[in-house]
């Protein structure tokens, strides 16, 4: 969905997300229209990943996990970052104090040989989803970079389209993981594979 929704964010530069007030306003707009700001002609990787971090946080608000995905009703909702961390401290600051359905949002950095209780797994650098995660806990929202990520079984793939961070969704992968995605999330995706 480009056009009128994108026009609301056209004046935002990624560097403007550095202040807490602007970040809060941006997150509100992002939740409402789920459409990232226009990236500069040659954005730095860290600024691109600031936007992706905001998307990761907002995805948690539009996904329903089965109760079995959590050790207890008030266990944290954990965003795991597999391998190299492209987000740095930005994602930790972004999720600080955030809750979704009584679950505090937490961030963990992990290795492939360390399956944890992750509800969201970000796989960077066009990596693949480790089999250990599917076996350990199928109720994981897998998110990665590039269109090939959906072909590997991922649920959401980030893409940069017309200098905007967008995302594609695989409904089949979400269903296989036991996740229910909000129609609001599906509406603002660049594409939805069924």
Foldseek 3Di string as FASTA:
>chain_A
DDDPLQVVQAPDELVQCPDPVSVVVVLVSCLVQVWFYFYDPDHDLQSVVLSVLSVVVSQLQFKDFPPVLAPDQQEAAEEEEEDDDSHPCSNVVVQVPDDHNNHRYYYYYDYLVDADSHQEYEYEDPDARRPVNCVVALNHQYEYEDPCHVVRLHAKYWDQDNRITAIEGEPVSNVRSVMDGHVSNCVNHPYYHD
